[in-house]
PDB file of N, CA and C in Angstrom:
ATOM      1  N   MET A   1     -58.578   5.086 -37.726  1.00  0.00           N
ATOM      2  CA  MET A   1     -58.397   5.988 -38.834  1.00  0.00           C
ATOM      3  C   MET A   1     -57.699   7.243 -38.341  1.00  0.00           C
ATOM      4  N   ILE A   2     -56.647   7.623 -38.978  1.00  0.00           N
ATOM      5  CA  ILE A   2     -55.891   8.806 -38.607  1.00  0.00           C
ATOM      6  C   ILE A   2     -56.201   9.904 -39.615  1.00  0.00           C
ATOM      7  N   THR A   3     -56.633  11.031 -39.104  1.00  0.00           N
ATOM      8  CA  THR A   3     -56.945  12.170 -39.959  1.00  0.00           C
ATOM      9  C   THR A   3     -55.792  13.145 -39.881  1.00  0.00           C
ATOM     10  N   ILE A   4     -55.437  13.692 -40.989  1.00  0.00           N
ATOM     11  CA  ILE A   4     -54.335  14.643 -41.039  1.00  0.00           C
ATOM     12  C   ILE A   4     -54.903  16.006 -41.415  1.00  0.00           C
ATOM     13  N   TYR A   5     -54.568  17.016 -40.603  1.00  0.00           N
ATOM     14  CA  TYR A   5     -54.998  18.381 -40.858  1.00  0.00           C
ATOM     15  C   TYR A   5     -53.786  19.198 -41.271  1.00  0.00           C
ATOM     16  N   TRP A   6     -54.021  20.237 -42.042  1.00  0.00           N
ATOM     17  CA  TRP A   6     -52.957  21.147 -42.415  1.00  0.00           C
ATOM     18  C   TRP A   6     -53.010  22.351 -41.498  1.00  0.00           C
ATOM     19  N   CYS A   7     -51.913  22.644 -40.859  1.00  0.00           N
ATOM     20  CA  CYS A   7     -51.825  23.786 -39.957  1.00  0.00           C
ATOM     21  C   CYS A   7     -50.657  24.634 -40.443  1.00  0.00           C
ATOM     22  N   TYR A   8     -50.930  25.816 -40.864  1.00  0.00           N
ATOM     23  CA  TYR A   8     -49.941  26.684 -41.485  1.00  0.00           C
ATOM     24  C   TYR A   8     -49.361  25.933 -42.678  1.00  0.00           C
ATOM     25  N   THR A   9     -48.101  25.634 -42.667  1.00  0.00           N
ATOM     26  CA  THR A   9     -47.544  24.883 -43.786  1.00  0.00           C
ATOM     27  C   THR A   9     -47.064  23.503 -43.359  1.00  0.00           C
ATOM     28  N   LYS A  10     -47.470  23.070 -42.155  1.00  0.00           N
ATOM     29  CA  LYS A  10     -47.003  21.792 -41.653  1.00  0.00           C
ATOM     30  C   LYS A  10     -48.169  20.830 -41.538  1.00  0.00           C
ATOM     31  N   LYS A  11     -47.881  19.567 -41.727  1.00  0.00           N
ATOM     32  CA  LYS A  11     -48.871  18.535 -41.486  1.00  0.00           C
ATOM     33  C   LYS A  11     -48.947  18.276 -39.978  1.00  0.00           C
ATOM     34  N   VAL A  12     -50.152  18.093 -39.476  1.00  0.00           N
ATOM     35  CA  VAL A  12     -50.339  17.786 -38.063  1.00  0.00           C
ATOM     36  C   VAL A  12     -51.076  16.464 -37.979  1.00  0.00           C
ATOM     37  N   ASP A  13     -50.472  15.531 -37.312  1.00  0.00           N
ATOM     38  CA  ASP A  13     -51.073  14.220 -37.127  1.00  0.00           C
ATOM     39  C   ASP A  13     -52.007  14.298 -35.918  1.00  0.00           C
ATOM     40  N   THR A  14     -53.294  13.963 -36.097  1.00  0.00           N
ATOM     41  CA  THR A  14     -54.264  14.104 -35.003  1.00  0.00           C
ATOM     42  C   THR A  14     -53.966  13.161 -33.854  1.00  0.00           C
ATOM     43  N   LYS A  15     -53.353  12.026 -34.133  1.00  0.00           N
ATOM     44  CA  LYS A  15     -53.037  11.094 -33.059  1.00  0.00           C
ATOM     45  C   LYS A  15     -52.050  11.731 -32.088  1.00  0.00           C
ATOM     46  N   SER A  16     -50.986  12.306 -32.598  1.00  0.00           N
ATOM     47  CA  SER A  16     -50.008  12.941 -31.724  1.00  0.00           C
ATOM     48  C   SER A  16     -50.591  14.209 -31.100  1.00  0.00           C
ATOM     49  N   TRP A  17     -51.488  14.900 -31.823  1.00  0.00           N
ATOM     50  CA  TRP A  17     -52.126  16.096 -31.288  1.00  0.00           C
ATOM     51  C   TRP A  17     -53.005  15.736 -30.088  1.00  0.00           C
ATOM     52  N   ASN A  18     -53.749  14.644 -30.195  1.00  0.00           N
ATOM     53  CA  ASN A  18     -54.594  14.203 -29.081  1.00  0.00           C
ATOM     54  C   ASN A  18     -53.751  13.788 -27.884  1.00  0.00           C
ATOM     55  N   GLU A  19     -52.622  13.149 -28.128  1.00  0.00           N
ATOM     56  CA  GLU A  19     -51.729  12.776 -27.033  1.00  0.00           C
ATOM     57  C   GLU A  19     -51.179  14.023 -26.347  1.00  0.00           C
ATOM     58  N   TYR A  20     -50.863  15.041 -27.146  1.00  0.00           N
ATOM     59  CA  TYR A  20     -50.375  16.302 -26.591  1.00  0.00           C
ATOM     60  C   TYR A  20     -51.452  16.933 -25.712  1.00  0.00           C
ATOM     61  N   ASN A  21     -52.686  16.976 -26.215  1.00  0.00           N
ATOM     62  CA  ASN A  21     -53.784  17.550 -25.440  1.00  0.00           C
ATOM     63  C   ASN A  21     -54.025  16.768 -24.161  1.00  0.00           C
ATOM     64  N   LYS A  22     -53.887  15.445 -24.235  1.00  0.00           N
ATOM     65  CA  LYS A  22     -54.082  14.606 -23.051  1.00  0.00           C
ATOM     66  C   LYS A  22     -53.045  14.954 -21.986  1.00  0.00           C
ATOM     67  N   LYS A  23     -51.787  15.099 -22.403  1.00  0.00           N
ATOM     68  CA  LYS A  23     -50.734  15.455 -21.450  1.00  0.00           C
ATOM     69  C   LYS A  23     -50.997  16.827 -20.850  1.00  0.00           C
ATOM     70  N   GLU A  24     -51.441  17.752 -21.681  1.00  0.00           N
ATOM     71  CA  GLU A  24     -51.728  19.107 -21.209  1.00  0.00           C
ATOM     72  C   GLU A  24     -52.875  19.097 -20.193  1.00  0.00           C
ATOM     73  N   ARG A  25     -53.921  18.307 -20.454  1.00  0.00           N
ATOM     74  CA  ARG A  25     -55.049  18.202 -19.522  1.00  0.00           C
ATOM     75  C   ARG A  25     -54.595  17.592 -18.194  1.00  0.00           C
ATOM     76  N   GLU A  26     -53.757  16.557 -18.258  1.00  0.00           N
ATOM     77  CA  GLU A  26     -53.269  15.922 -17.037  1.00  0.00           C
ATOM     78  C   GLU A  26     -52.450  16.901 -16.210  1.00  0.00           C
ATOM     79  N   GLU A  27     -51.620  17.713 -16.887  1.00  0.00           N
ATOM     80  CA  GLU A  27     -50.814  18.691 -16.169  1.00  0.00           C
ATOM     81  C   GLU A  27     -51.690  19.746 -15.525  1.00  0.00           C
ATOM     82  N   SER A  28     -52.736  20.176 -16.242  1.00  0.00           N
ATOM     83  CA  SER A  28     -53.607  21.195 -15.674  1.00  0.00           C
ATOM     84  C   SER A  28     -54.412  20.639 -14.505  1.00  0.00           C
ATOM     85  N   MET A  29     -54.746  19.342 -14.552  1.00  0.00           N
ATOM     86  CA  MET A  29     -55.480  18.738 -13.445  1.00  0.00           C
ATOM     87  C   MET A  29     -54.592  18.615 -12.210  1.00  0.00           C
ATOM     88  N   MET A  30     -53.304  18.478 -12.407  1.00  0.00           N
ATOM     89  CA  MET A  30     -52.373  18.366 -11.288  1.00  0.00           C
ATOM     90  C   MET A  30     -52.278  19.691 -10.533  1.00  0.00           C
ATOM     91  N   LYS A  31     -52.576  20.799 -11.178  1.00  0.00           N
ATOM     92  CA  LYS A  31     -52.446  22.105 -10.566  1.00  0.00           C
ATOM     93  C   LYS A  31     -53.601  22.440  -9.630  1.00  0.00           C
ATOM     94  N   VAL A  32     -54.614  21.601  -9.571  1.00  0.00           N
ATOM     95  CA  VAL A  32     -55.755  21.849  -8.704  1.00  0.00           C
ATOM     96  C   VAL A  32     -55.290  21.710  -7.254  1.00  0.00           C
ATOM     97  N   PRO A  33     -55.506  22.754  -6.459  1.00  0.00           N
ATOM     98  CA  PRO A  33     -55.038  22.676  -5.074  1.00  0.00           C
ATOM     99  C   PRO A  33     -55.865  21.690  -4.261  1.00  0.00           C
ATOM    100  N   LYS A  34     -55.195  20.966  -3.404  1.00  0.00           N
ATOM    101  CA  LYS A  34     -55.855  20.041  -2.491  1.00  0.00           C
ATOM    102  C   LYS A  34     -55.848  20.691  -1.120  1.00  0.00           C
ATOM    103  N   TYR A  35     -57.002  20.801  -0.543  1.00  0.00           N
ATOM    104  CA  TYR A  35     -57.125  21.430   0.761  1.00  0.00           C
ATOM    105  C   TYR A  35     -57.237  20.352   1.833  1.00  0.00           C
ATOM    106  N   THR A  36     -56.623  20.604   2.961  1.00  0.00           N
ATOM    107  CA  THR A  36     -56.685  19.647   4.064  1.00  0.00           C
ATOM    108  C   THR A  36     -58.049  19.753   4.748  1.00  0.00           C
ATOM    109  N   GLU A  37     -58.412  18.691   5.449  1.00  0.00           N
ATOM    110  CA  GLU A  37     -59.675  18.682   6.186  1.00  0.00           C
ATOM    111  C   GLU A  37     -59.683  19.796   7.236  1.00  0.00           C
ATOM    112  N   GLU A  38     -58.543  20.010   7.868  1.00  0.00           N
ATOM    113  CA  GLU A  38     -58.433  21.049   8.889  1.00  0.00           C
ATOM    114  C   GLU A  38     -58.704  22.428   8.296  1.00  0.00           C
ATOM    115  N   PHE A  39     -58.138  22.691   7.096  1.00  0.00           N
ATOM    116  CA  PHE A  39     -58.360  23.969   6.421  1.00  0.00           C
ATOM    117  C   PHE A  39     -59.835  24.159   6.088  1.00  0.00           C
ATOM    118  N   LYS A  40     -60.462  23.103   5.570  1.00  0.00           N
ATOM    119  CA  LYS A  40     -61.878  23.176   5.213  1.00  0.00           C
ATOM    120  C   LYS A  40     -62.733  23.488   6.435  1.00  0.00           C
ATOM    121  N   LYS A  41     -62.457  22.799   7.531  1.00  0.00           N
ATOM    122  CA  LYS A  41     -63.232  23.014   8.751  1.00  0.00           C
ATOM    123  C   LYS A  41     -63.011  24.412   9.309  1.00  0.00           C
ATOM    124  N   THR A  42     -61.785  24.918   9.186  1.00  0.00           N
ATOM    125  CA  THR A  42     -61.486  26.269   9.653  1.00  0.00           C
ATOM    126  C   THR A  42     -62.270  27.295   8.850  1.00  0.00           C
ATOM    127  N   VAL A  43     -62.315  27.124   7.540  1.00  0.00           N
ATOM    128  CA  VAL A  43     -63.060  28.043   6.675  1.00  0.00           C
ATOM    129  C   VAL A  43     -64.544  28.016   7.048  1.00  0.00           C
ATOM    130  N   ILE A  44     -65.085  26.852   7.303  1.00  0.00           N
ATOM    131  CA  ILE A  44     -66.501  26.735   7.664  1.00  0.00           C
ATOM    132  C   ILE A  44     -66.758  27.372   9.025  1.00  0.00           C
ATOM    133  N   GLU A  45     -65.834  27.224   9.971  1.00  0.00           N
ATOM    134  CA  GLU A  45     -65.994  27.865  11.281  1.00  0.00           C
ATOM    135  C   GLU A  45     -66.010  29.383  11.139  1.00  0.00           C
ATOM    136  N   ILE A  46     -65.166  29.914  10.262  1.00  0.00           N
ATOM    137  CA  ILE A  46     -65.165  31.356  10.005  1.00  0.00           C
ATOM    138  C   ILE A  46     -66.517  31.781   9.441  1.00  0.00           C
ATOM    139  N   TYR A  47     -67.053  30.974   8.542  1.00  0.00           N
ATOM    140  CA  TYR A  47     -68.360  31.260   7.942  1.00  0.00           C
ATOM    141  C   TYR A  47     -69.459  31.228   9.010  1.00  0.00           C
ATOM    142  N   LYS A  48     -69.390  30.251   9.894  1.00  0.00           N
ATOM    143  CA  LYS A  48     -70.402  30.126  10.942  1.00  0.00           C
ATOM    144  C   LYS A  48     -70.297  31.235  11.979  1.00  0.00           C
ATOM    145  N   SER A  49     -69.105  31.821  12.106  1.00  0.00           N
ATOM    146  CA  SER A  49     -68.937  32.910  13.071  1.00  0.00           C
ATOM    147  C   SER A  49     -69.585  34.203  12.591  1.00  0.00           C
ATOM    148  N   GLY A  50     -70.017  34.243  11.327  1.00  0.00           N
ATOM    149  CA  GLY A  50     -70.765  35.403  10.851  1.00  0.00           C
ATOM    150  C   GLY A  50     -70.167  36.128   9.665  1.00  0.00           C
ATOM    151  N   LYS A  51     -69.010  35.715   9.227  1.00  0.00           N
ATOM    152  CA  LYS A  51     -68.396  36.379   8.077  1.00  0.00           C
ATOM    153  C   LYS A  51     -69.142  35.980   6.808  1.00  0.00           C
ATOM    154  N   GLN A  52     -69.312  36.915   5.887  1.00  0.00           N
ATOM    155  CA  GLN A  52     -70.061  36.639   4.661  1.00  0.00           C
ATOM    156  C   GLN A  52     -69.290  35.694   3.751  1.00  0.00           C
ATOM    157  N   SER A  53     -70.046  34.864   3.046  1.00  0.00           N
ATOM    158  CA  SER A  53     -69.424  33.858   2.180  1.00  0.00           C
ATOM    159  C   SER A  53     -68.616  34.500   1.061  1.00  0.00           C
ATOM    160  N   SER A  54     -69.095  35.608   0.511  1.00  0.00           N
ATOM    161  CA  SER A  54     -68.365  36.264  -0.584  1.00  0.00           C
ATOM    162  C   SER A  54     -66.994  36.747  -0.123  1.00  0.00           C
ATOM    163  N   GLU A  55     -66.912  37.233   1.105  1.00  0.00           N
ATOM    164  CA  GLU A  55     -65.626  37.683   1.640  1.00  0.00           C
ATOM    165  C   GLU A  55     -64.673  36.506   1.833  1.00  0.00           C
ATOM    166  N   ILE A  56     -65.195  35.411   2.330  1.00  0.00           N
ATOM    167  CA  ILE A  56     -64.369  34.219   2.567  1.00  0.00           C
ATOM    168  C   ILE A  56     -63.845  33.677   1.246  1.00  0.00           C
ATOM    169  N   ILE A  57     -64.716  33.626   0.243  1.00  0.00           N
ATOM    170  CA  ILE A  57     -64.328  33.111  -1.070  1.00  0.00           C
ATOM    171  C   ILE A  57     -63.198  33.943  -1.660  1.00  0.00           C
ATOM    172  N   LYS A  58     -63.316  35.269  -1.562  1.00  0.00           N
ATOM    173  CA  LYS A  58     -62.266  36.155  -2.089  1.00  0.00           C
ATOM    174  C   LYS A  58     -60.983  36.047  -1.280  1.00  0.00           C
ATOM    175  N   GLU A  59     -61.124  36.011   0.040  1.00  0.00           N
ATOM    176  CA  GLU A  59     -59.949  35.990   0.919  1.00  0.00           C
ATOM    177  C   GLU A  59     -59.105  34.739   0.734  1.00  0.00           C
ATOM    178  N   PHE A  60     -59.763  33.578   0.625  1.00  0.00           N
ATOM    179  CA  PHE A  60     -59.030  32.320   0.539  1.00  0.00           C
ATOM    180  C   PHE A  60     -58.838  31.829  -0.890  1.00  0.00           C
ATOM    181  N   GLY A  61     -59.444  32.494  -1.874  1.00  0.00           N
ATOM    182  CA  GLY A  61     -59.280  32.092  -3.266  1.00  0.00           C
ATOM    183  C   GLY A  61     -59.945  30.768  -3.598  1.00  0.00           C
ATOM    184  N   ILE A  62     -61.103  30.546  -2.998  1.00  0.00           N
ATOM    185  CA  ILE A  62     -61.851  29.305  -3.200  1.00  0.00           C
ATOM    186  C   ILE A  62     -63.003  29.599  -4.146  1.00  0.00           C
ATOM    187  N   SER A  63     -63.326  28.660  -5.011  1.00  0.00           N
ATOM    188  CA  SER A  63     -64.486  28.864  -5.876  1.00  0.00           C
ATOM    189  C   SER A  63     -65.756  28.730  -5.037  1.00  0.00           C
ATOM    190  N   ALA A  64     -66.801  29.393  -5.488  1.00  0.00           N
ATOM    191  CA  ALA A  64     -68.061  29.399  -4.740  1.00  0.00           C
ATOM    192  C   ALA A  64     -68.649  27.999  -4.636  1.00  0.00           C
ATOM    193  N   SER A  65     -68.574  27.234  -5.727  1.00  0.00           N
ATOM    194  CA  SER A  65     -69.157  25.887  -5.700  1.00  0.00           C
ATOM    195  C   SER A  65     -68.434  24.999  -4.694  1.00  0.00           C
ATOM    196  N   VAL A  66     -67.122  25.097  -4.629  1.00  0.00           N
ATOM    197  CA  VAL A  66     -66.349  24.295  -3.667  1.00  0.00           C
ATOM    198  C   VAL A  66     -66.698  24.727  -2.246  1.00  0.00           C
ATOM    199  N   PHE A  67     -66.791  26.031  -2.029  1.00  0.00           N
ATOM    200  CA  PHE A  67     -67.117  26.538  -0.691  1.00  0.00           C
ATOM    201  C   PHE A  67     -68.462  26.012  -0.216  1.00  0.00           C
ATOM    202  N   TYR A  68     -69.477  26.072  -1.078  1.00  0.00           N
ATOM    203  CA  TYR A  68     -70.805  25.628  -0.659  1.00  0.00           C
ATOM    204  C   TYR A  68     -70.882  24.103  -0.494  1.00  0.00           C
ATOM    205  N   LYS A  69     -70.050  23.364  -1.222  1.00  0.00           N
ATOM    206  CA  LYS A  69     -69.960  21.916  -0.983  1.00  0.00           C
ATOM    207  C   LYS A  69     -69.401  21.656   0.411  1.00  0.00           C
ATOM    208  N   TRP A  70     -68.396  22.441   0.791  1.00  0.00           N
ATOM    209  CA  TRP A  70     -67.821  22.294   2.128  1.00  0.00           C
ATOM    210  C   TRP A  70     -68.850  22.637   3.196  1.00  0.00           C
ATOM    211  N   VAL A  71     -69.608  23.708   2.966  1.00  0.00           N
ATOM    212  CA  VAL A  71     -70.633  24.105   3.939  1.00  0.00           C
ATOM    213  C   VAL A  71     -71.624  22.967   4.125  1.00  0.00           C
ATOM    214  N   LYS A  72     -72.047  22.376   3.024  1.00  0.00           N
ATOM    215  CA  LYS A  72     -73.013  21.276   3.097  1.00  0.00           C
ATOM    216  C   LYS A  72     -72.405  20.066   3.809  1.00  0.00           C
ATOM    217  N   LYS A  73     -71.145  19.767   3.486  1.00  0.00           N
ATOM    218  CA  LYS A  73     -70.505  18.577   4.037  1.00  0.00           C
ATOM    219  C   LYS A  73     -70.220  18.708   5.532  1.00  0.00           C
ATOM    220  N   TYR A  74     -69.772  19.878   5.966  1.00  0.00           N
ATOM    221  CA  TYR A  74     -69.333  20.036   7.350  1.00  0.00           C
ATOM    222  C   TYR A  74     -70.362  20.713   8.247  1.00  0.00           C
ATOM    223  N   SER A  75     -71.551  20.942   7.739  1.00  0.00           N
ATOM    224  CA  SER A  75     -72.593  21.539   8.577  1.00  0.00           C
ATOM    225  C   SER A  75     -73.077  20.520   9.600  1.00  0.00           C
ATOM    226  N   GLN A  76     -73.389  21.018  10.758  1.00  0.00           N
ATOM    227  CA  GLN A  76     -73.900  20.175  11.837  1.00  0.00           C
ATOM    228  C   GLN A  76     -75.391  20.430  11.981  1.00  0.00           C
ATOM    229  N   VAL A  77     -76.144  19.371  12.177  1.00  0.00           N
ATOM    230  CA  VAL A  77     -77.576  19.462  12.397  1.00  0.00           C
ATOM    231  C   VAL A  77     -77.826  19.229  13.880  1.00  0.00           C
ATOM    232  N   LYS A  78     -78.555  20.148  14.491  1.00  0.00           N
ATOM    233  CA  LYS A  78     -78.860  20.020  15.921  1.00  0.00           C
ATOM    234  C   LYS A  78     -80.053  19.101  16.107  1.00  0.00           C
ATOM    235  N   MET A  79     -79.905  18.119  16.971  1.00  0.00           N
ATOM    236  CA  MET A  79     -80.970  17.177  17.282  1.00  0.00           C
ATOM    237  C   MET A  79     -81.783  17.726  18.457  1.00  0.00           C
ATOM    238  N   PRO A  80     -83.015  17.254  18.611  1.00  0.00           N
ATOM    239  CA  PRO A  80     -83.851  17.744  19.722  1.00  0.00           C
ATOM    240  C   PRO A  80     -83.242  17.494  21.105  1.00  0.00           C
ATOM    241  N   ASP A  81     -82.439  16.446  21.240  1.00  0.00           N
ATOM    242  CA  ASP A  81     -81.828  16.145  22.539  1.00  0.00           C
ATOM    243  C   ASP A  81     -80.547  16.942  22.791  1.00  0.00           C
ATOM    244  N   GLY A  82     -80.216  17.889  21.889  1.00  0.00           N
ATOM    245  CA  GLY A  82     -79.037  18.728  22.072  1.00  0.00           C
ATOM    246  C   GLY A  82     -77.800  18.209  21.368  1.00  0.00           C
ATOM    247  N   GLU A  83     -77.845  17.020  20.869  1.00  0.00           N
ATOM    248  CA  GLU A  83     -76.705  16.423  20.173  1.00  0.00           C
ATOM    249  C   GLU A  83     -76.641  16.984  18.755  1.00  0.00           C
ATOM    250  N   SER A  84     -75.438  17.142  18.216  1.00  0.00           N
ATOM    251  CA  SER A  84     -75.300  17.598  16.833  1.00  0.00           C
ATOM    252  C   SER A  84     -74.705  16.479  15.989  1.00  0.00           C
ATOM    253  N   ILE A  85     -75.119  16.435  14.732  1.00  0.00           N
ATOM    254  CA  ILE A  85     -74.704  15.357  13.837  1.00  0.00           C
ATOM    255  C   ILE A  85     -74.417  15.955  12.462  1.00  0.00           C
ATOM    256  N   SER A  86     -73.403  15.436  11.772  1.00  0.00           N
ATOM    257  CA  SER A  86     -73.033  15.983  10.466  1.00  0.00           C
ATOM    258  C   SER A  86     -73.891  15.381   9.363  1.00  0.00           C
ATOM    259  N   VAL A  87     -73.848  16.022   8.211  1.00  0.00           N
ATOM    260  CA  VAL A  87     -74.616  15.558   7.057  1.00  0.00           C
ATOM    261  C   VAL A  87     -74.132  14.183   6.614  1.00  0.00           C
ATOM    262  N   ASP A  88     -72.828  13.957   6.661  1.00  0.00           N
ATOM    263  CA  ASP A  88     -72.284  12.648   6.282  1.00  0.00           C
ATOM    264  C   ASP A  88     -72.790  11.545   7.214  1.00  0.00           C
ATOM    265  N   GLU A  89     -72.845  11.848   8.501  1.00  0.00           N
ATOM    266  CA  GLU A  89     -73.352  10.858   9.454  1.00  0.00           C
ATOM    267  C   GLU A  89     -74.824  10.568   9.197  1.00  0.00           C
ATOM    268  N   ILE A  90     -75.581  11.584   8.809  1.00  0.00           N
ATOM    269  CA  ILE A  90     -77.003  11.387   8.488  1.00  0.00           C
ATOM    270  C   ILE A  90     -77.143  10.457   7.298  1.00  0.00           C
ATOM    271  N   LYS A  91     -76.309  10.645   6.273  1.00  0.00           N
ATOM    272  CA  LYS A  91     -76.364   9.771   5.096  1.00  0.00           C
ATOM    273  C   LYS A  91     -76.057   8.326   5.468  1.00  0.00           C
ATOM    274  N   VAL A  92     -75.048   8.125   6.317  1.00  0.00           N
ATOM    275  CA  VAL A  92     -74.698   6.777   6.762  1.00  0.00           C
ATOM    276  C   VAL A  92     -75.862   6.153   7.523  1.00  0.00           C
ATOM    277  N   LEU A  93     -76.489   6.936   8.382  1.00  0.00           N
ATOM    278  CA  LEU A  93     -77.617   6.433   9.155  1.00  0.00           C
ATOM    279  C   LEU A  93     -78.819   6.120   8.263  1.00  0.00           C
ATOM    280  N   GLN A  94     -79.035   6.926   7.224  1.00  0.00           N
ATOM    281  CA  GLN A  94     -80.134   6.662   6.299  1.00  0.00           C
ATOM    282  C   GLN A  94     -79.914   5.352   5.541  1.00  0.00           C
ATOM    283  N   LYS A  95     -78.679   5.106   5.123  1.00  0.00           N
ATOM    284  CA  LYS A  95     -78.365   3.849   4.438  1.00  0.00           C
ATOM    285  C   LYS A  95     -78.571   2.662   5.380  1.00  0.00           C
ATOM    286  N   ARG A  96     -78.143   2.823   6.625  1.00  0.00           N
ATOM    287  CA  ARG A  96     -78.310   1.754   7.619  1.00  0.00           C
ATOM    288  C   ARG A  96     -79.788   1.479   7.871  1.00  0.00           C
ATOM    289  N   LEU A  97     -80.581   2.546   7.967  1.00  0.00           N
ATOM    290  CA  LEU A  97     -82.017   2.404   8.176  1.00  0.00           C
ATOM    291  C   LEU A  97     -82.670   1.661   7.013  1.00  0.00           C
ATOM    292  N   ALA A  98     -82.291   2.023   5.784  1.00  0.00           N
ATOM    293  CA  ALA A  98     -82.863   1.355   4.610  1.00  0.00           C
ATOM    294  C   ALA A  98     -82.517  -0.132   4.611  1.00  0.00           C
ATOM    295  N   ALA A  99     -81.276  -0.463   4.968  1.00  0.00           N
ATOM    296  CA  ALA A  99     -80.865  -1.870   5.015  1.00  0.00           C
ATOM    297  C   ALA A  99     -81.635  -2.635   6.080  1.00  0.00           C
ATOM    298  N   LEU A 100     -81.836  -2.021   7.238  1.00  0.00           N
ATOM    299  CA  LEU A 100     -82.578  -2.683   8.312  1.00  0.00           C
ATOM    300  C   LEU A 100     -84.055  -2.843   7.965  1.00  0.00           C
ATOM    301  N   GLU A 101     -84.625  -1.851   7.291  1.00  0.00           N
ATOM    302  CA  GLU A 101     -86.024  -1.970   6.866  1.00  0.00           C
ATOM    303  C   GLU A 101     -86.194  -3.100   5.858  1.00  0.00           C
ATOM    304  N   GLU A 102     -85.227  -3.234   4.947  1.00  0.00           N
ATOM    305  CA  GLU A 102     -85.271  -4.326   3.971  1.00  0.00           C
ATOM    306  C   GLU A 102     -85.142  -5.679   4.676  1.00  0.00           C
ATOM    307  N   GLU A 103     -84.227  -5.748   5.630  1.00  0.00           N
ATOM    308  CA  GLU A 103     -84.053  -6.989   6.388  1.00  0.00           C
ATOM    309  C   GLU A 103     -85.321  -7.334   7.157  1.00  0.00           C
ATOM    310  N   ASN A 104     -85.955  -6.327   7.745  1.00  0.00           N
ATOM    311  CA  ASN A 104     -87.193  -6.527   8.486  1.00  0.00           C
ATOM    312  C   ASN A 104     -88.299  -7.055   7.569  1.00  0.00           C
ATOM    313  N   LEU A 105     -88.411  -6.508   6.377  1.00  0.00           N
ATOM    314  CA  LEU A 105     -89.412  -6.955   5.415  1.00  0.00           C
ATOM    315  C   LEU A 105     -89.186  -8.421   5.027  1.00  0.00           C
ATOM    316  N   ILE A 106     -87.925  -8.773   4.808  1.00  0.00           N
ATOM    317  CA  ILE A 106     -87.592 -10.163   4.459  1.00  0.00           C
ATOM    318  C   ILE A 106     -87.972 -11.104   5.600  1.00  0.00           C
ATOM    319  N   LEU A 107     -87.673 -10.697   6.824  1.00  0.00           N
ATOM    320  CA  LEU A 107     -88.007 -11.536   7.981  1.00  0.00           C
ATOM    321  C   LEU A 107     -89.523 -11.689   8.141  1.00  0.00           C
ATOM    322  N   LYS A 108     -90.275 -10.628   7.893  1.00  0.00           N
ATOM    323  CA  LYS A 108     -91.736 -10.715   7.975  1.00  0.00           C
ATOM    324  C   LYS A 108     -92.288 -11.690   6.938  1.00  0.00           C
ATOM    325  N   LYS A 109     -91.756 -11.629   5.709  1.00  0.00           N
ATOM    326  CA  LYS A 109     -92.193 -12.535   4.665  1.00  0.00           C
ATOM    327  C   LYS A 109     -91.843 -13.978   5.015  1.00  0.00           C
ATOM    328  N   THR A 110     -90.652 -14.166   5.556  1.00  0.00           N
ATOM    329  CA  THR A 110     -90.209 -15.508   5.967  1.00  0.00           C
ATOM    330  C   THR A 110     -91.121 -16.047   7.078  1.00  0.00           C
ATOM    331  N   LEU A 111     -91.469 -15.199   8.028  1.00  0.00           N
ATOM    332  CA  LEU A 111     -92.336 -15.606   9.116  1.00  0.00           C
ATOM    333  C   LEU A 111     -93.720 -15.997   8.608  1.00  0.00           C
ATOM    334  N   SER A 112     -94.243 -15.236   7.649  1.00  0.00           N
ATOM    335  CA  SER A 112     -95.560 -15.575   7.113  1.00  0.00           C
ATOM    336  C   SER A 112     -95.522 -16.893   6.340  1.00  0.00           C
ATOM    337  N   ILE A 113     -94.438 -17.193   5.670  1.00  0.00           N
ATOM    338  CA  ILE A 113     -94.304 -18.458   4.945  1.00  0.00           C
ATOM    339  C   ILE A 113     -94.270 -19.624   5.919  1.00  0.00           C
ATOM    340  N   PHE A 114     -93.491 -19.510   6.997  1.00  0.00           N
ATOM    341  CA  PHE A 114     -93.388 -20.588   7.978  1.00  0.00           C
ATOM    342  C   PHE A 114     -94.646 -20.704   8.830  1.00  0.00           C
ATOM    343  N   ALA A 115     -95.391 -19.620   8.996  1.00  0.00           N
ATOM    344  CA  ALA A 115     -96.612 -19.664   9.784  1.00  0.00           C
ATOM    345  C   ALA A 115     -97.699 -20.462   9.067  1.00  0.00           C
ATOM    346  N   ARG A 116     -97.696 -20.469   7.739  1.00  0.00           N
ATOM    347  CA  ARG A 116     -98.667 -21.219   6.969  1.00  0.00           C
ATOM    348  C   ARG A 116     -98.419 -22.735   7.075  1.00  0.00           C
ATOM    349  N   ALA A 117     -97.175 -23.086   7.217  1.00  0.00           N
ATOM    350  CA  ALA A 117     -96.839 -24.520   7.205  1.00  0.00           C
ATOM    351  C   ALA A 117     -97.198 -25.229   8.475  1.00  0.00           C
TER     352      ALA A 117
END
């Protein structure tokens, strides 16, 4: 169903209006800057060196939400043995642990079934 609205003295077809808005949204999405991994890591190193986050956000023109996502993503967690590991690596290890625990449970159930026989 096509709805027609009156705008000033001209008819406006909503179908073509929606297509116009779609093109405009796509163009505005293209303007979003893409930051390189190196740039992100450099910004986080500056933050870790002691500079305040508000200053970094203003200086580099980054939104606060994007900055804090980078901090979370590129933060290193110190392990008791002195090794450091990133948040992404922790997530990968957690998924691996869950898969191995599931596999272990299946093997235990299989063993109990064969032990009865």
